[in-house]
Amino acid sequence: MSQLANQHCEACRADAPRVSEEELAELMRALPDWQPVSEQGALQLRREFTFGNFKEALAFTNRVGELAEAEFHHPGILTEWGKVTVSWWTHKIHGLHRNDFIMAARTDALLD
């Protein structure tokens, strides 16, 4: 498990800095299954998780939702038959903050 998964989110303000290009490169090494993607001008972390059926996908979605509520940081989640796509980004800064990488690592840990 990534060291990021053991961390917790910090409260984020609208003037919080986005991760730099150097930080992005370093943090992505800890999350090889995630991809940085631009969506409506905001950089996000995205990963597709696969499951054997809809019931398993929905159960995972619910675990991600519980994690998000516990940290007060909420992703985009698309649940389909056998697949869940999770996207983390910080709405207040319209981009990526260290919190998003922590939550991505903690999302990965839900599979363990």
N, C-alpha and C. Protein backbone atom coordinates (compact mmCIF):
# COMPACT_ATOMS: atom_id res chain seq x y z
N MET A 1 0.84 -1.18 0.00
CA MET A 1 0.00 0.00 0.00
C MET A 1 0.89 1.24 0.00
N SER A 2 0.48 2.23 -0.74
CA SER A 2 1.21 3.49 -0.85
C SER A 2 1.20 4.24 0.49
N GLN A 3 2.29 4.96 0.77
CA GLN A 3 2.33 5.81 1.96
C GLN A 3 1.22 6.85 1.91
N LEU A 4 0.83 7.24 0.72
CA LEU A 4 -0.25 8.21 0.58
C LEU A 4 -1.54 7.69 1.22
N ALA A 5 -1.78 6.40 1.14
CA ALA A 5 -3.03 5.83 1.66
C ALA A 5 -3.13 5.94 3.17
N ASN A 6 -2.02 6.17 3.85
CA ASN A 6 -2.04 6.32 5.30
C ASN A 6 -2.26 7.76 5.74
N GLN A 7 -2.34 8.66 4.78
CA GLN A 7 -2.51 10.08 5.09
C GLN A 7 -3.99 10.47 5.03
N HIS A 8 -4.30 11.63 5.60
CA HIS A 8 -5.66 12.15 5.57
C HIS A 8 -5.65 13.50 4.87
N CYS A 9 -6.79 13.86 4.33
CA CYS A 9 -6.91 15.14 3.63
C CYS A 9 -6.85 16.30 4.60
N GLU A 10 -6.30 17.40 4.10
CA GLU A 10 -6.34 18.64 4.85
C GLU A 10 -7.43 19.52 4.27
N ALA A 11 -7.97 20.40 5.07
CA ALA A 11 -9.00 21.31 4.57
C ALA A 11 -8.40 22.15 3.45
N CYS A 12 -9.13 22.29 2.37
CA CYS A 12 -8.63 22.97 1.19
C CYS A 12 -9.44 24.25 0.96
N ARG A 13 -8.71 25.34 0.72
CA ARG A 13 -9.36 26.62 0.44
C ARG A 13 -9.25 26.94 -1.05
N ALA A 14 -10.03 27.90 -1.49
CA ALA A 14 -10.04 28.28 -2.90
C ALA A 14 -8.68 28.82 -3.36
N ASP A 15 -7.86 29.30 -2.42
CA ASP A 15 -6.55 29.82 -2.80
C ASP A 15 -5.43 28.79 -2.58
N ALA A 16 -5.79 27.54 -2.32
CA ALA A 16 -4.78 26.48 -2.14
C ALA A 16 -4.06 26.25 -3.46
N PRO A 17 -2.78 25.94 -3.40
CA PRO A 17 -2.04 25.72 -4.64
C PRO A 17 -2.36 24.36 -5.27
N ARG A 18 -2.42 24.36 -6.58
CA ARG A 18 -2.51 23.09 -7.32
C ARG A 18 -1.14 22.43 -7.29
N VAL A 19 -1.11 21.13 -7.51
CA VAL A 19 0.19 20.45 -7.58
C VAL A 19 0.97 20.98 -8.79
N SER A 20 2.27 21.11 -8.61
CA SER A 20 3.12 21.56 -9.70
C SER A 20 3.38 20.39 -10.65
N GLU A 21 3.98 20.68 -11.79
CA GLU A 21 4.34 19.63 -12.75
C GLU A 21 5.29 18.62 -12.11
N GLU A 22 6.24 19.11 -11.32
CA GLU A 22 7.20 18.23 -10.64
C GLU A 22 6.49 17.35 -9.61
N GLU A 23 5.60 17.95 -8.82
CA GLU A 23 4.84 17.17 -7.83
C GLU A 23 3.96 16.14 -8.51
N LEU A 24 3.34 16.54 -9.61
CA LEU A 24 2.49 15.62 -10.36
C LEU A 24 3.28 14.39 -10.80
N ALA A 25 4.45 14.61 -11.37
CA ALA A 25 5.28 13.49 -11.84
C ALA A 25 5.66 12.58 -10.68
N GLU A 26 6.04 13.16 -9.55
CA GLU A 26 6.43 12.37 -8.38
C GLU A 26 5.24 11.59 -7.82
N LEU A 27 4.11 12.23 -7.67
CA LEU A 27 2.93 11.58 -7.08
C LEU A 27 2.38 10.50 -8.01
N MET A 28 2.47 10.69 -9.31
CA MET A 28 1.97 9.69 -10.25
C MET A 28 2.77 8.39 -10.17
N ARG A 29 4.03 8.46 -9.78
CA ARG A 29 4.83 7.24 -9.62
C ARG A 29 4.25 6.35 -8.51
N ALA A 30 3.61 6.96 -7.53
CA ALA A 30 3.00 6.20 -6.43
C ALA A 30 1.64 5.62 -6.82
N LEU A 31 1.09 6.09 -7.95
CA LEU A 31 -0.26 5.68 -8.38
C LEU A 31 -0.23 5.25 -9.85
N PRO A 32 0.47 4.16 -10.17
CA PRO A 32 0.66 3.80 -11.58
C PRO A 32 -0.62 3.43 -12.33
N ASP A 33 -1.69 3.07 -11.62
CA ASP A 33 -2.93 2.67 -12.30
C ASP A 33 -3.86 3.85 -12.58
N TRP A 34 -3.50 5.02 -12.11
CA TRP A 34 -4.31 6.22 -12.30
C TRP A 34 -3.76 7.04 -13.46
N GLN A 35 -4.64 7.78 -14.11
CA GLN A 35 -4.23 8.62 -15.23
C GLN A 35 -4.65 10.06 -14.96
N PRO A 36 -3.77 11.02 -15.22
CA PRO A 36 -4.20 12.42 -15.17
C PRO A 36 -4.95 12.73 -16.47
N VAL A 37 -6.13 13.27 -16.34
CA VAL A 37 -6.93 13.62 -17.52
C VAL A 37 -7.49 15.03 -17.33
N SER A 38 -7.66 15.73 -18.42
CA SER A 38 -8.26 17.05 -18.37
C SER A 38 -9.73 16.94 -18.73
N GLU A 39 -10.57 17.42 -17.85
CA GLU A 39 -12.02 17.39 -18.05
C GLU A 39 -12.56 18.78 -17.82
N GLN A 40 -13.11 19.39 -18.86
CA GLN A 40 -13.64 20.75 -18.78
C GLN A 40 -12.61 21.73 -18.20
N GLY A 41 -11.36 21.57 -18.63
CA GLY A 41 -10.30 22.46 -18.22
C GLY A 41 -9.69 22.18 -16.86
N ALA A 42 -10.16 21.15 -16.16
CA ALA A 42 -9.62 20.81 -14.84
C ALA A 42 -8.87 19.48 -14.93
N LEU A 43 -7.64 19.47 -14.42
CA LEU A 43 -6.89 18.23 -14.37
C LEU A 43 -7.45 17.36 -13.26
N GLN A 44 -7.70 16.08 -13.58
CA GLN A 44 -8.27 15.12 -12.64
C GLN A 44 -7.45 13.83 -12.67
N LEU A 45 -7.60 13.04 -11.60
CA LEU A 45 -7.05 11.69 -11.57
C LEU A 45 -8.20 10.74 -11.85
N ARG A 46 -7.98 9.79 -12.76
CA ARG A 46 -9.05 8.87 -13.14
C ARG A 46 -8.52 7.44 -13.21
N ARG A 47 -9.35 6.53 -12.72
CA ARG A 47 -9.04 5.11 -12.82
C ARG A 47 -10.33 4.34 -13.03
N GLU A 48 -10.23 3.31 -13.86
CA GLU A 48 -11.35 2.40 -14.10
C GLU A 48 -11.06 1.09 -13.36
N PHE A 49 -12.00 0.68 -12.53
CA PHE A 49 -11.91 -0.56 -11.78
C PHE A 49 -12.87 -1.56 -12.41
N THR A 50 -12.46 -2.80 -12.55
CA THR A 50 -13.33 -3.81 -13.15
C THR A 50 -13.74 -4.85 -12.12
N PHE A 51 -14.95 -5.37 -12.29
CA PHE A 51 -15.56 -6.33 -11.37
C PHE A 51 -16.30 -7.38 -12.18
N GLY A 52 -16.68 -8.44 -11.52
CA GLY A 52 -17.33 -9.56 -12.20
C GLY A 52 -18.79 -9.33 -12.53
N ASN A 53 -19.40 -8.34 -11.89
CA ASN A 53 -20.83 -8.09 -12.14
C ASN A 53 -21.22 -6.72 -11.57
N PHE A 54 -22.48 -6.38 -11.72
CA PHE A 54 -22.95 -5.08 -11.25
C PHE A 54 -22.97 -5.01 -9.72
N LYS A 55 -23.33 -6.09 -9.07
CA LYS A 55 -23.42 -6.10 -7.61
C LYS A 55 -22.07 -5.77 -6.98
N GLU A 56 -21.00 -6.38 -7.49
CA GLU A 56 -19.66 -6.09 -6.98
C GLU A 56 -19.25 -4.65 -7.26
N ALA A 57 -19.59 -4.16 -8.45
CA ALA A 57 -19.28 -2.76 -8.80
C ALA A 57 -20.02 -1.80 -7.88
N LEU A 58 -21.26 -2.10 -7.60
CA LEU A 58 -22.06 -1.23 -6.73
C LEU A 58 -21.53 -1.25 -5.30
N ALA A 59 -21.12 -2.42 -4.82
CA ALA A 59 -20.56 -2.52 -3.46
C ALA A 59 -19.29 -1.68 -3.36
N PHE A 60 -18.44 -1.70 -4.40
CA PHE A 60 -17.23 -0.89 -4.41
C PHE A 60 -17.59 0.60 -4.44
N THR A 61 -18.57 0.95 -5.25
CA THR A 61 -19.03 2.34 -5.31
C THR A 61 -19.43 2.82 -3.92
N ASN A 62 -20.16 1.99 -3.20
CA ASN A 62 -20.59 2.37 -1.86
C ASN A 62 -19.42 2.55 -0.90
N ARG A 63 -18.38 1.71 -1.04
CA ARG A 63 -17.19 1.86 -0.20
C ARG A 63 -16.46 3.17 -0.52
N VAL A 64 -16.39 3.50 -1.81
CA VAL A 64 -15.76 4.77 -2.20
C VAL A 64 -16.58 5.93 -1.62
N GLY A 65 -17.90 5.82 -1.68
CA GLY A 65 -18.75 6.87 -1.12
C GLY A 65 -18.56 7.05 0.37
N GLU A 66 -18.41 5.95 1.10
CA GLU A 66 -18.17 6.02 2.55
C GLU A 66 -16.82 6.69 2.84
N LEU A 67 -15.81 6.34 2.06
CA LEU A 67 -14.49 6.96 2.20
C LEU A 67 -14.59 8.47 1.94
N ALA A 68 -15.28 8.84 0.88
CA ALA A 68 -15.42 10.25 0.52
C ALA A 68 -16.12 11.03 1.64
N GLU A 69 -17.17 10.47 2.18
CA GLU A 69 -17.90 11.14 3.26
C GLU A 69 -17.03 11.28 4.50
N ALA A 70 -16.23 10.26 4.81
CA ALA A 70 -15.37 10.31 5.99
C ALA A 70 -14.32 11.41 5.88
N GLU A 71 -13.87 11.71 4.67
CA GLU A 71 -12.84 12.73 4.46
C GLU A 71 -13.42 14.06 3.96
N PHE A 72 -14.72 14.11 3.73
CA PHE A 72 -15.37 15.31 3.19
C PHE A 72 -14.72 15.77 1.89
N HIS A 73 -14.38 14.79 1.06
CA HIS A 73 -13.78 15.05 -0.25
C HIS A 73 -14.43 14.06 -1.21
N HIS A 74 -15.08 14.56 -2.24
CA HIS A 74 -15.98 13.73 -3.04
C HIS A 74 -15.56 13.64 -4.50
N PRO A 75 -15.50 12.42 -5.03
CA PRO A 75 -15.09 12.21 -6.42
C PRO A 75 -16.28 12.17 -7.36
N GLY A 76 -15.96 12.10 -8.63
CA GLY A 76 -16.94 11.69 -9.63
C GLY A 76 -16.90 10.18 -9.69
N ILE A 77 -18.04 9.54 -9.69
CA ILE A 77 -18.10 8.07 -9.74
C ILE A 77 -19.13 7.67 -10.80
N LEU A 78 -18.70 6.82 -11.71
CA LEU A 78 -19.60 6.26 -12.72
C LEU A 78 -19.63 4.75 -12.50
N THR A 79 -20.79 4.22 -12.15
CA THR A 79 -20.96 2.79 -11.90
C THR A 79 -21.71 2.17 -13.05
N GLU A 80 -21.12 1.12 -13.63
CA GLU A 80 -21.73 0.40 -14.74
C GLU A 80 -21.63 -1.09 -14.46
N TRP A 81 -22.19 -1.90 -15.32
CA TRP A 81 -22.08 -3.35 -15.14
C TRP A 81 -20.61 -3.73 -15.18
N GLY A 82 -20.09 -4.24 -14.06
CA GLY A 82 -18.74 -4.74 -14.00
C GLY A 82 -17.64 -3.69 -14.04
N LYS A 83 -18.00 -2.41 -13.86
CA LYS A 83 -16.98 -1.37 -14.01
C LYS A 83 -17.37 -0.15 -13.17
N VAL A 84 -16.37 0.42 -12.51
CA VAL A 84 -16.55 1.69 -11.79
C VAL A 84 -15.41 2.60 -12.19
N THR A 85 -15.75 3.80 -12.65
CA THR A 85 -14.75 4.80 -12.98
C THR A 85 -14.79 5.87 -11.90
N VAL A 86 -13.63 6.12 -11.28
CA VAL A 86 -13.52 7.09 -10.20
C VAL A 86 -12.61 8.22 -10.66
N SER A 87 -13.06 9.45 -10.45
CA SER A 87 -12.28 10.64 -10.80
C SER A 87 -12.15 11.54 -9.57
N TRP A 88 -10.92 11.83 -9.19
CA TRP A 88 -10.64 12.72 -8.06
C TRP A 88 -10.07 14.03 -8.57
N TRP A 89 -10.56 15.14 -8.05
CA TRP A 89 -10.01 16.47 -8.27
C TRP A 89 -10.59 17.38 -7.22
N THR A 90 -10.00 18.52 -7.05
CA THR A 90 -10.45 19.46 -6.03
C THR A 90 -11.25 20.55 -6.70
N HIS A 91 -12.54 20.55 -6.42
CA HIS A 91 -13.46 21.48 -7.05
C HIS A 91 -13.09 22.94 -6.75
N LYS A 92 -12.70 23.23 -5.52
CA LYS A 92 -12.41 24.62 -5.13
C LYS A 92 -11.28 25.25 -5.93
N ILE A 93 -10.32 24.43 -6.35
CA ILE A 93 -9.19 24.98 -7.10
C ILE A 93 -9.23 24.58 -8.57
N HIS A 94 -10.29 23.87 -8.96
CA HIS A 94 -10.49 23.45 -10.35
C HIS A 94 -9.25 22.74 -10.89
N GLY A 95 -8.75 21.79 -10.09
CA GLY A 95 -7.57 21.05 -10.49
C GLY A 95 -7.14 20.08 -9.40
N LEU A 96 -5.88 19.68 -9.45
CA LEU A 96 -5.37 18.67 -8.52
C LEU A 96 -4.63 19.26 -7.34
N HIS A 97 -4.94 18.73 -6.18
CA HIS A 97 -4.29 19.05 -4.90
C HIS A 97 -3.74 17.74 -4.36
N ARG A 98 -2.83 17.79 -3.44
CA ARG A 98 -2.28 16.58 -2.83
C ARG A 98 -3.40 15.68 -2.28
N ASN A 99 -4.47 16.29 -1.78
CA ASN A 99 -5.61 15.51 -1.26
C ASN A 99 -6.12 14.50 -2.28
N ASP A 100 -6.12 14.87 -3.55
CA ASP A 100 -6.65 13.98 -4.58
C ASP A 100 -5.79 12.72 -4.72
N PHE A 101 -4.51 12.86 -4.54
CA PHE A 101 -3.60 11.71 -4.62
C PHE A 101 -3.77 10.82 -3.39
N ILE A 102 -3.97 11.44 -2.24
CA ILE A 102 -4.25 10.68 -1.02
C ILE A 102 -5.52 9.87 -1.21
N MET A 103 -6.55 10.49 -1.74
CA MET A 103 -7.83 9.80 -1.91
C MET A 103 -7.74 8.71 -2.98
N ALA A 104 -6.96 8.94 -4.01
CA ALA A 104 -6.76 7.90 -5.04
C ALA A 104 -6.08 6.68 -4.42
N ALA A 105 -5.04 6.93 -3.60
CA ALA A 105 -4.35 5.82 -2.93
C ALA A 105 -5.27 5.11 -1.96
N ARG A 106 -6.10 5.84 -1.27
CA ARG A 106 -7.03 5.23 -0.33
C ARG A 106 -8.14 4.46 -1.08
N THR A 107 -8.48 4.92 -2.27
CA THR A 107 -9.44 4.19 -3.10
C THR A 107 -8.83 2.85 -3.52
N ASP A 108 -7.57 2.87 -3.94
CA ASP A 108 -6.88 1.62 -4.28
C ASP A 108 -6.89 0.65 -3.10
N ALA A 109 -6.69 1.18 -1.91
CA ALA A 109 -6.63 0.34 -0.70
C ALA A 109 -7.95 -0.35 -0.42
N LEU A 110 -9.05 0.17 -0.95
CA LEU A 110 -10.36 -0.47 -0.75
C LEU A 110 -10.42 -1.84 -1.41
N LEU A 111 -9.54 -2.09 -2.37
CA LEU A 111 -9.51 -3.38 -3.05
C LEU A 111 -8.82 -4.46 -2.23
N ASP A 112 -8.01 -4.06 -1.26
CA ASP A 112 -7.25 -5.03 -0.46
C ASP A 112 -8.16 -5.79 0.51
